[in-house]
Amino acid sequence: MAQDPAAELAEQIKGKSDEDIQTAIDARGVDATLEEIFKGMETAFDAEKAASTQAVVQYDIDSAGDTKTWTVNIDNGTIATSAGAADNP
């Protein structure tokens, strides 16, 4: 049975310094890392618990002097993540 994405991430960074984590992100690429994190949110999403929830959350993530923006849309039990700013966060 596959581990859940949150548990996998926790295992990957366990005991690592901030510098070690940043080095690994830089090697993999910031955009690829963020895409994996946000797609992991979709995988871990519990539609039943969000059945009557509507929300738009915008993340502005600073990375090496650049800001990466991602949006999470939750709409009555569905989730969609995307790179870029929300229309109405």
Protein backbone atom coordinates (compact mmCIF):
# COMPACT_ATOMS: atom_id res chain seq x y z
CA MET A 1 0.00 0.00 0.00
CA ALA A 2 1.39 3.42 -0.96
CA GLN A 3 2.05 6.03 1.69
CA ASP A 4 0.06 9.21 1.63
CA PRO A 5 1.83 12.27 0.15
CA ALA A 6 2.07 14.09 3.49
CA ALA A 7 3.75 11.10 5.13
CA GLU A 8 6.15 10.75 2.19
CA LEU A 9 7.13 14.42 2.40
CA ALA A 10 7.57 14.19 6.17
CA GLU A 11 9.88 11.21 5.73
CA GLN A 12 11.91 12.98 3.03
CA ILE A 13 12.62 16.05 5.17
CA LYS A 14 12.90 14.34 8.56
CA GLY A 15 16.14 15.34 10.27
CA LYS A 16 17.21 17.62 7.40
CA SER A 17 18.38 21.18 7.94
CA ASP A 18 16.73 24.08 6.14
CA GLU A 19 19.85 24.32 4.01
CA ASP A 20 19.64 20.62 3.04
CA ILE A 21 15.97 21.01 2.12
CA GLN A 22 16.67 24.13 0.04
CA THR A 23 19.52 22.35 -1.77
CA ALA A 24 17.22 19.44 -2.64
CA ILE A 25 14.50 21.82 -3.88
CA ASP A 26 17.03 23.73 -5.98
CA ALA A 27 18.30 20.49 -7.51
CA ARG A 28 14.79 19.30 -8.38
CA GLY A 29 13.51 22.73 -9.36
CA VAL A 30 11.23 25.03 -7.39
CA ASP A 31 8.39 24.82 -9.93
CA ALA A 32 8.46 21.01 -10.03
CA THR A 33 8.56 20.84 -6.23
CA LEU A 34 5.62 23.20 -5.84
CA GLU A 35 3.63 21.29 -8.46
CA GLU A 36 4.21 18.06 -6.54
CA ILE A 37 3.14 19.68 -3.26
CA PHE A 38 -0.07 21.14 -4.68
CA LYS A 39 -0.98 17.97 -6.58
CA GLY A 40 -0.40 16.15 -3.29
CA MET A 41 -3.02 18.42 -1.73
CA GLU A 42 -5.48 17.20 -4.36
CA THR A 43 -4.60 13.58 -3.60
CA ALA A 44 -5.00 14.05 0.16
CA PHE A 45 -8.23 16.04 -0.16
CA ASP A 46 -11.23 14.57 1.67
CA ALA A 47 -14.24 15.47 -0.48
CA GLU A 48 -16.74 14.27 2.12
CA LYS A 49 -15.39 16.68 4.74
CA ALA A 50 -15.56 19.58 2.29
CA ALA A 51 -18.98 18.75 0.87
CA SER A 52 -20.46 22.14 1.76
CA THR A 53 -17.30 24.24 1.60
CA GLN A 54 -16.51 26.95 -0.91
CA ALA A 55 -13.13 28.62 -0.62
CA VAL A 56 -10.36 30.09 -2.71
CA VAL A 57 -6.90 30.19 -1.13
CA GLN A 58 -3.98 31.93 -2.78
CA TYR A 59 -0.43 31.04 -1.73
CA ASP A 60 2.36 33.53 -2.46
CA ILE A 61 5.60 31.62 -1.89
CA ASP A 62 8.92 33.45 -1.72
CA SER A 63 11.78 31.57 -3.32
CA ALA A 64 15.23 33.05 -3.91
CA GLY A 65 13.89 36.57 -4.37
CA ASP A 66 11.04 35.45 -6.61
CA THR A 67 7.41 34.93 -5.67
CA LYS A 68 5.61 31.81 -6.89
CA THR A 69 1.81 32.03 -6.70
CA TRP A 70 -0.52 29.04 -6.49
CA THR A 71 -4.27 28.84 -6.01
CA VAL A 72 -6.43 26.20 -4.35
CA ASN A 73 -10.15 26.20 -5.20
CA ILE A 74 -12.51 24.17 -3.04
CA ASP A 75 -16.08 23.98 -4.26
CA ASN A 76 -18.63 21.73 -2.56
CA GLY A 77 -16.47 18.64 -2.29
CA THR A 78 -14.14 19.24 -5.21
CA ILE A 79 -10.63 20.65 -5.28
CA ALA A 80 -8.50 22.13 -8.02
CA THR A 81 -4.99 23.52 -7.68
CA SER A 82 -3.22 25.67 -10.23
CA ALA A 83 -0.17 27.82 -10.64
CA GLY A 84 -1.01 31.50 -10.74
CA ALA A 85 -3.09 34.04 -8.92
CA ALA A 86 -6.73 33.61 -7.99
CA ASP A 87 -9.34 35.81 -9.61
CA ASN A 88 -10.84 36.57 -6.21
CA PRO A 89 -8.82 35.18 -3.27
